[in-house]
Protein backbone atom coordinates (compact mmCIF):
# COMPACT_ATOMS: atom_id res chain seq x y z
CA MET A 1 -0.05 -0.05 0.26
CA ARG A 2 1.12 3.60 -0.30
CA SER A 3 0.88 6.16 2.06
CA LEU A 4 -0.57 9.85 1.02
CA PHE A 5 2.55 11.11 3.12
CA SER A 6 5.16 9.01 1.62
CA GLY A 7 8.22 11.32 -0.44
CA ALA A 8 6.83 14.75 -1.48
CA ALA A 9 3.42 14.34 -0.88
CA PHE A 10 4.40 14.87 3.01
CA VAL A 11 5.80 18.44 2.38
CA ALA A 12 2.49 19.52 1.80
CA ALA A 13 0.64 17.28 4.48
CA ALA A 14 2.74 18.78 7.43
CA ALA A 15 1.74 22.31 6.45
CA LEU A 16 -0.71 23.94 8.95
CA CYS A 17 -0.86 23.88 12.88
CA ALA A 18 -3.29 25.01 15.62
CA CYS A 19 -3.38 28.03 16.56
CA GLU A 20 -0.66 29.14 18.99
CA VAL A 21 -2.95 28.81 22.03
CA PRO A 22 -2.33 25.85 24.67
CA PRO A 23 -5.42 23.87 24.34
CA ALA A 24 -7.38 23.57 27.67
CA ALA A 25 -7.82 19.96 28.70
CA PRO A 26 -6.52 18.16 25.58
CA PRO A 27 -8.46 14.85 24.90
CA LYS A 28 -6.99 11.85 26.73
CA PRO A 29 -8.12 9.02 24.66
CA THR A 30 -5.52 7.31 22.36
CA ALA A 31 -7.74 5.14 20.24
CA LEU A 32 -10.68 5.71 18.14
CA VAL A 33 -14.13 4.46 19.68
CA LEU A 34 -16.59 4.84 17.07
CA GLU A 35 -20.55 4.52 18.01
CA ALA A 36 -23.43 3.95 15.58
CA ALA A 37 -25.55 7.03 14.87
CA SER A 38 -27.92 8.08 12.67
CA PHE A 39 -28.23 11.48 10.73
CA SER A 40 -31.12 12.61 13.10
CA ASP A 41 -28.66 12.32 16.02
CA LEU A 42 -26.49 15.11 14.74
CA PRO A 43 -27.67 18.25 16.38
CA GLY A 44 -28.29 20.95 13.73
CA PHE A 45 -27.97 18.62 10.65
CA GLU A 46 -31.19 19.39 8.71
CA ALA A 47 -30.30 23.51 9.43
CA ASP A 48 -26.40 23.31 8.34
CA HIS A 49 -25.98 25.10 5.07
CA THR A 50 -24.43 21.33 3.48
CA ALA A 51 -24.00 22.57 -0.02
CA ALA A 52 -21.58 25.07 1.07
CA LEU A 53 -19.09 21.70 1.72
CA LEU A 54 -19.96 20.68 -2.35
CA PRO A 55 -17.14 22.84 -3.81
CA GLY A 56 -14.29 21.36 -1.52
CA LEU A 57 -15.65 17.76 -1.94
CA LYS A 58 -15.49 18.14 -5.66
CA LEU A 59 -11.99 19.66 -5.00
CA GLN A 60 -10.79 16.37 -3.10
CA CYS A 61 -12.38 13.91 -5.00
CA ARG A 62 -10.44 15.12 -7.95
CA ARG A 63 -7.47 14.80 -6.00
CA LEU A 64 -8.50 11.03 -4.93
CA ALA A 65 -9.09 10.09 -8.60
CA LEU A 66 -5.44 10.45 -9.54
CA LEU A 67 -4.12 8.91 -6.69
CA PRO A 68 -3.81 4.72 -6.77
CA ALA A 69 -6.86 2.72 -5.11
CA ASP A 70 -4.39 1.29 -2.33
CA THR A 71 -3.07 5.03 -1.27
CA VAL A 72 -3.42 5.08 2.63
CA LEU A 73 -5.48 8.20 3.55
CA GLY A 74 -5.32 7.05 7.61
CA GLY A 75 -7.58 6.02 10.07
CA GLU A 76 -7.62 3.03 12.72
CA GLY A 77 -10.13 0.28 13.37
CA ILE A 78 -13.62 1.24 11.72
CA SER A 79 -12.46 4.44 9.96
CA ALA A 80 -9.57 2.37 8.36
CA THR A 81 -11.42 -0.30 6.93
CA TYR A 82 -14.13 1.85 5.39
CA GLY A 83 -12.60 5.00 4.76
CA GLY A 84 -8.91 4.10 5.15
CA LEU A 85 -7.79 3.95 1.08
CA ALA A 86 -8.31 6.17 -1.73
CA GLY A 87 -10.34 3.75 -3.66
CA GLN A 88 -13.07 3.46 -0.79
CA TRP A 89 -13.90 6.84 -1.90
CA LEU A 90 -14.48 6.36 -6.03
CA ALA A 91 -18.28 5.64 -5.29
CA PRO A 92 -19.57 8.67 -3.15
CA CYS A 93 -16.82 11.12 -5.01
CA HIS A 94 -19.16 9.58 -8.24
CA ALA A 95 -22.28 10.29 -7.05
CA ALA A 96 -21.07 13.59 -5.63
CA ALA A 97 -20.55 14.98 -9.33
CA SER A 98 -24.38 14.72 -9.98
CA VAL A 99 -25.04 16.97 -6.77
CA PRO A 100 -26.50 20.27 -7.59
CA GLN A 101 -24.29 23.36 -6.34
CA GLY A 102 -26.21 25.49 -3.80
CA ASN A 103 -28.88 22.63 -3.05
CA ASP A 104 -28.84 21.80 0.75
CA ALA A 105 -31.63 19.19 0.76
CA ALA A 106 -29.75 17.50 -2.57
CA MET A 107 -26.49 17.59 -0.28
CA ARG A 108 -28.23 15.89 3.03
CA ASP A 109 -29.64 13.64 0.62
CA PHE A 110 -26.62 12.62 -0.63
CA LEU A 111 -24.79 12.10 2.25
CA LYS A 112 -27.49 10.23 3.86
CA ALA A 113 -27.41 7.76 0.94
CA HIS A 114 -23.35 7.39 0.46
CA PHE A 115 -22.20 7.53 4.12
CA THR A 116 -22.63 5.99 7.44
CA ALA A 117 -22.59 8.15 10.74
CA TYR A 118 -20.57 7.45 13.57
CA ARG A 119 -20.32 9.37 17.22
CA ILE A 120 -17.03 9.71 18.20
CA ALA A 121 -17.16 8.42 21.66
CA ALA A 122 -14.68 10.91 23.30
CA PRO A 123 -14.95 14.83 24.32
CA ALA A 124 -14.19 16.78 21.45
CA LEU A 125 -11.58 19.62 21.52
CA VAL A 126 -12.34 22.23 18.35
CA THR A 127 -9.64 24.79 17.63
CA GLY A 128 -9.39 27.12 14.82
CA TYR A 129 -6.65 28.21 12.49
CA PHE A 130 -6.83 31.06 10.13
CA GLU A 131 -4.71 32.28 6.86
CA PRO A 132 -3.18 35.40 8.46
CA GLU A 133 -1.57 38.71 6.37
CA ALA A 134 1.72 40.44 7.01
CA GLU A 135 3.29 43.84 5.30
CA GLY A 136 6.08 42.89 3.16
CA ASP A 137 8.17 43.76 0.41
CA VAL A 138 10.13 41.87 -1.96
CA HIS A 139 13.17 44.39 -1.48
CA ARG A 140 14.89 45.07 1.68
CA GLY A 141 14.79 48.31 3.07
CA GLY A 142 13.36 50.58 5.42
CA ALA A 143 11.14 49.00 7.86
CA TYR A 144 11.37 45.68 5.81
CA GLN A 145 13.99 43.77 7.55
CA THR A 146 12.76 40.26 8.70
CA PRO A 147 13.26 37.38 5.85
CA LEU A 148 10.51 35.40 5.22
CA LEU A 149 12.85 32.31 3.72
CA ALA A 150 12.34 29.80 1.07
CA ARG A 151 13.02 26.02 1.51
CA PRO A 152 16.85 25.45 2.07
CA SER A 153 18.56 23.42 -0.38
CA ASP A 154 20.31 21.16 1.93
CA LEU A 155 16.73 20.41 3.97
CA VAL A 156 16.64 16.75 3.67
CA GLN A 157 13.11 14.89 4.29
CA GLY A 158 13.29 11.02 4.92
CA PRO A 159 10.61 8.34 5.33
CA PRO A 160 8.51 7.90 8.48
CA PRO A 161 9.76 5.56 10.84
CA PRO A 162 8.31 1.85 9.66
CA THR A 163 6.58 1.42 12.93
CA ASP A 164 4.61 4.74 11.95
CA PRO A 165 4.45 4.50 8.36
CA LEU A 166 1.84 7.70 9.04
CA GLY A 167 3.82 9.65 11.34
CA PRO A 168 6.27 12.86 10.52
CA PRO A 169 9.19 12.19 8.36
CA SER A 170 12.91 12.26 9.76
CA ILE A 171 14.22 15.80 8.56
CA GLY A 172 17.91 17.08 8.71
CA ARG A 173 20.72 17.97 6.80
CA ARG A 174 23.33 15.70 5.67
CA VAL A 175 26.92 15.89 7.08
CA ALA A 176 29.64 13.81 5.81
CA GLY A 177 26.98 11.32 4.27
CA THR A 178 25.18 11.48 8.10
CA LEU A 179 21.63 12.67 8.74
CA VAL A 180 22.07 15.22 11.55
CA PRO A 181 19.01 17.66 12.90
CA TYR A 182 18.53 20.82 11.14
CA TRP A 183 19.35 23.97 12.46
CA THR A 184 17.17 25.51 15.12
CA ARG A 185 14.97 28.75 15.10
CA ALA A 186 17.77 30.41 16.74
CA GLU A 187 20.63 29.34 14.62
CA ILE A 188 18.64 29.98 11.54
CA GLU A 189 17.71 33.46 12.19
CA ALA A 190 21.57 34.02 13.47
CA GLY A 191 22.40 32.99 9.50
CA ALA A 192 23.29 29.38 9.73
CA ALA A 193 21.21 28.56 6.79
CA ALA A 194 22.02 31.61 4.43
CA GLY A 195 24.12 29.60 2.11
CA THR A 196 21.05 27.49 0.98
CA THR A 197 18.11 29.61 1.33
CA HIS A 198 16.90 32.94 0.16
CA PRO A 199 13.95 35.37 1.51
CA LEU A 200 11.14 35.56 -0.52
CA PHE A 201 9.93 38.54 0.75
CA TRP A 202 11.06 41.20 3.67
CA LEU A 203 8.44 41.57 6.21
CA ARG A 204 7.94 44.86 8.50
CA ASP A 205 7.33 42.82 11.87
CA PRO A 206 9.11 39.66 13.07
CA VAL A 207 6.06 38.63 15.38
CA ASP A 208 4.22 38.69 11.97
CA LEU A 209 6.33 35.93 10.60
CA PHE A 210 6.22 33.73 13.61
CA PHE A 211 2.48 33.52 13.42
CA LEU A 212 2.77 33.42 9.61
CA GLN A 213 4.86 30.01 10.58
CA VAL A 214 2.36 28.72 13.52
CA GLN A 215 -0.64 29.18 10.87
CA GLY A 216 1.44 27.39 7.83
CA SER A 217 0.37 29.90 5.16
CA GLY A 218 -0.57 33.58 4.51
CA ARG A 219 -0.73 36.50 2.40
CA ILE A 220 1.84 39.47 2.16
CA ARG A 221 0.65 42.74 1.27
CA LEU A 222 3.02 44.39 -0.84
CA PRO A 223 3.70 48.61 -0.43
CA ASP A 224 1.68 49.01 -3.56
CA GLY A 225 -1.61 47.31 -1.71
CA SER A 226 -1.08 44.14 -4.19
CA VAL A 227 -1.29 41.00 -2.28
CA LEU A 228 0.36 37.58 -2.79
CA ARG A 229 0.02 34.24 -1.29
CA ILE A 230 2.42 32.11 0.27
CA ALA A 231 2.03 28.36 1.25
CA TYR A 232 4.45 25.96 3.71
CA ASP A 233 7.34 24.20 1.66
CA GLY A 234 8.91 22.28 4.53
CA ARG A 235 10.16 22.69 8.33
CA ASN A 236 13.34 22.09 10.01
CA GLY A 237 11.94 19.30 11.83
CA ARG A 238 12.61 20.76 15.63
CA PRO A 239 10.01 20.24 18.23
CA TYR A 240 6.97 22.64 18.03
CA THR A 241 6.70 24.68 21.39
CA PRO A 242 3.45 26.67 22.07
CA ILE A 243 4.91 29.99 23.21
CA GLY A 244 1.30 30.66 25.33
CA ARG A 245 2.62 27.71 27.47
CA VAL A 246 6.10 29.45 27.77
CA LEU A 247 4.62 32.33 28.78
CA MET A 248 2.23 30.70 31.33
CA ALA A 249 5.05 29.21 32.90
CA GLU A 250 6.55 32.35 33.22
CA GLY A 251 3.87 33.88 34.94
CA ALA A 252 3.33 36.10 31.97
CA LEU A 253 -0.05 35.32 31.21
CA ALA A 254 -2.77 33.77 33.29
CA PRO A 255 -3.74 30.28 32.20
CA ASN A 256 -7.27 31.64 31.52
CA ASP A 257 -5.76 34.33 29.80
CA VAL A 258 -3.91 32.72 26.80
CA SER A 259 -5.25 33.35 23.42
CA MET A 260 -3.24 34.47 20.14
CA GLN A 261 -4.61 38.30 20.76
CA THR A 262 -3.06 37.87 24.24
CA ILE A 263 0.35 36.50 23.19
CA ARG A 264 0.78 39.40 20.47
CA ALA A 265 0.00 41.90 22.75
CA TRP A 266 2.31 40.84 25.32
CA LEU A 267 5.12 40.40 22.35
CA ALA A 268 4.42 43.76 21.07
CA ALA A 269 4.81 45.15 24.95
CA HIS A 270 7.97 43.52 25.22
CA PRO A 271 10.16 43.68 22.33
CA ASP A 272 13.31 43.34 24.59
CA GLN A 273 12.12 39.81 25.53
CA ALA A 274 10.12 38.85 22.17
CA ARG A 275 12.88 37.08 20.18
CA ARG A 276 13.97 35.13 23.45
CA VAL A 277 10.29 33.93 23.99
CA MET A 278 9.72 33.01 20.08
CA ASP A 279 13.29 31.25 20.02
CA THR A 280 11.62 28.77 22.47
CA ASN A 281 9.85 27.23 19.69
CA GLU A 282 12.74 25.56 17.40
CA ASP A 283 10.22 24.93 14.92
CA PHE A 284 10.65 26.69 11.75
CA VAL A 285 8.96 26.99 8.31
CA PHE A 286 9.91 27.70 5.15
CA PHE A 287 7.60 28.90 2.26
CA ARG A 288 6.88 29.32 -1.39
CA LEU A 289 4.94 31.45 -3.39
CA VAL A 290 1.60 30.50 -4.74
CA GLN A 291 0.85 31.40 -8.01
CA HIS A 292 -2.74 32.00 -9.55
CA ALA A 293 -4.20 31.79 -6.17
CA ASP A 294 -8.56 31.24 -5.83
CA SER A 295 -9.39 33.95 -3.73
CA ASP A 296 -12.39 31.43 -2.85
CA PHE A 297 -10.44 29.06 -1.17
CA GLY A 298 -7.73 28.94 1.25
CA PRO A 299 -4.02 27.54 1.20
CA PRO A 300 -3.61 23.75 -0.02
CA GLY A 301 -3.84 21.55 2.99
CA ALA A 302 -2.53 18.01 3.64
CA MET A 303 -4.18 16.13 0.59
CA GLY A 304 -2.57 19.00 -1.83
CA VAL A 305 -6.27 20.35 -1.95
CA ASN A 306 -7.11 24.00 -1.26
CA LEU A 307 -9.15 24.50 2.04
CA THR A 308 -12.39 26.01 2.33
CA PRO A 309 -12.95 28.69 5.04
CA GLY A 310 -15.21 26.97 7.62
CA ARG A 311 -15.95 23.99 6.12
CA SER A 312 -12.15 22.20 6.04
CA ALA A 313 -10.49 20.83 9.19
CA ALA A 314 -7.44 19.59 10.29
CA VAL A 315 -7.39 16.01 12.09
CA ASP A 316 -4.98 13.34 13.52
CA ARG A 317 -4.88 10.87 10.62
CA HIS A 318 -3.77 8.18 12.82
CA PHE A 319 -7.56 8.06 13.81
CA VAL A 320 -9.62 10.00 11.11
CA PRO A 321 -8.71 9.08 7.44
CA LEU A 322 -7.97 12.64 5.08
CA GLY A 323 -11.05 13.52 3.30
CA ALA A 324 -13.63 12.33 5.49
CA PRO A 325 -16.73 14.27 6.13
CA LEU A 326 -17.02 15.15 10.29
CA PHE A 327 -20.10 17.07 12.01
CA ILE A 328 -18.97 19.14 14.55
CA ASP A 329 -21.02 20.02 17.15
CA THR A 330 -19.89 22.57 19.58
CA THR A 331 -20.08 26.70 20.22
CA ASP A 332 -19.01 29.89 18.54
CA PRO A 333 -16.21 31.60 20.86
CA LEU A 334 -17.58 35.26 20.23
CA THR A 335 -21.07 34.51 19.99
CA HIS A 336 -21.63 31.24 22.51
CA ALA A 337 -24.34 30.48 19.59
CA PRO A 338 -24.26 26.65 18.28
CA TRP A 339 -21.44 25.78 15.87
CA GLN A 340 -22.91 23.19 13.93
CA ARG A 341 -21.67 21.93 10.60
CA MET A 342 -20.30 19.64 8.13
CA VAL A 343 -16.52 19.94 7.70
CA LEU A 344 -14.09 17.87 5.34
CA ALA A 345 -10.67 16.43 7.29
CA GLN A 346 -8.14 17.96 4.59
CA ASP A 347 -5.76 18.95 6.82
CA ILE A 348 -2.91 17.87 9.85
CA GLY A 349 -1.13 19.91 12.13
CA THR A 350 1.96 19.36 14.63
CA ASP A 351 -0.28 19.76 17.48
CA ILE A 352 -3.69 18.45 16.51
CA LEU A 353 -3.78 14.98 17.88
CA GLY A 354 -5.91 12.67 19.28
CA PRO A 355 -9.43 10.96 18.07
CA ALA A 356 -11.85 13.69 18.62
CA ARG A 357 -9.35 16.49 17.57
CA ALA A 358 -10.64 18.99 15.19
CA ASP A 359 -8.78 22.18 13.91
CA ILE A 360 -10.77 24.47 11.88
CA PHE A 361 -9.55 26.46 9.20
CA MET A 362 -11.55 29.67 9.46
CA GLY A 363 -10.58 31.42 5.94
CA SER A 364 -8.29 34.98 6.18
CA GLY A 365 -8.99 38.46 7.29
CA PHE A 366 -9.64 39.87 10.75
CA ALA A 367 -12.97 38.19 11.25
CA ALA A 368 -11.46 34.66 10.61
CA ALA A 369 -8.37 35.71 12.98
CA GLN A 370 -10.51 36.62 15.63
CA THR A 371 -12.90 33.42 15.90
CA ALA A 372 -9.52 31.29 15.05
CA GLY A 373 -7.67 33.02 18.04
CA LEU A 374 -10.52 32.53 20.60
CA MET A 375 -11.43 28.67 19.40
CA ARG A 376 -10.80 26.12 22.07
CA GLN A 377 -14.28 24.96 22.14
CA SER A 378 -15.55 21.41 23.72
CA GLY A 379 -18.33 19.49 21.81
CA THR A 380 -18.75 16.32 19.90
CA GLU A 381 -17.69 15.12 16.75
CA PHE A 382 -19.27 12.55 14.11
CA LEU A 383 -17.60 10.74 11.59
CA LEU A 384 -18.89 10.03 8.28
CA LEU A 385 -17.47 6.98 6.33
CA PRO A 386 -18.42 5.79 3.07
CA ARG A 387 -21.12 2.89 3.21
CA PRO A 388 -19.41 -0.42 2.22
């Protein structure tokens, strides 16, 4: 069997991670337990604008059609048995082609006819991520002094370990024929990789670069007002440390006052300490320029499919196969109203771990940033798998 995460495909697969907020009470279960459910058990399913899922579903179906039928998408137990291989999605993908755009009732009928619903028997933790925007220029000068780097030529990526074929690849650089760890964030900032990479842009604010790397993609607004999109193109393989946890441990932020907004505010208020705190996260992400970006979609996720705002989610692929529909029952962190909708598991993230874990792509712009930055909600997840 082939894994969707082997070779160059994994470069996209590791792209996006959760918002820089330490999750509250992360789920403890280490196994996926599914309970049989009917669509009537999905709270708010009949009211959901399910037709909004269809464009993203068709995009991923085109991607799946290009893969060998035995390509491994992930999953455990029942989820692997019925939805763990690319070939198991061909029948529902074929049927999706006939669903009319914008028709919620037709989309619900399609889902009921071609999928079986299961409740994930563990408390869900739902967070959010977004596509940030930063001010930058293609030339260094004036306020633009922070380099946003391209993938280094000496960055080497090997296969995952045999004991975990869906796990992260080995990443480093070769020295005298031996793979050694790649440079840390602080070392890269000090110029250790200068001979093997180059700046794509020069940013105004180093904190903007940090959060672009946390989110894994973004948009760069140039001085003339034009906007270009960047996407993940590899990482240094060092451990990811949420700096919100660092600030909590140092007493700089209270545990109940940690969000993307409060972290950014603290960094802005303490410029003499910001670099030290950010360097505690050794993880460093490299980028590429995205040509001909579609404004209706976000950046590409783990499947190589452009994400749909509010309808794509990052999951732990050890439990949930990529491409699987999930119904999320949680609350909006701003309004506290029910947040109940169908999403597609199209991405993964460094800090997205556990069978009932979902990180929702909220889109780009201020509103998306506000929601994603505060999203740390409990809830319930339902997994949809193709009917045998």
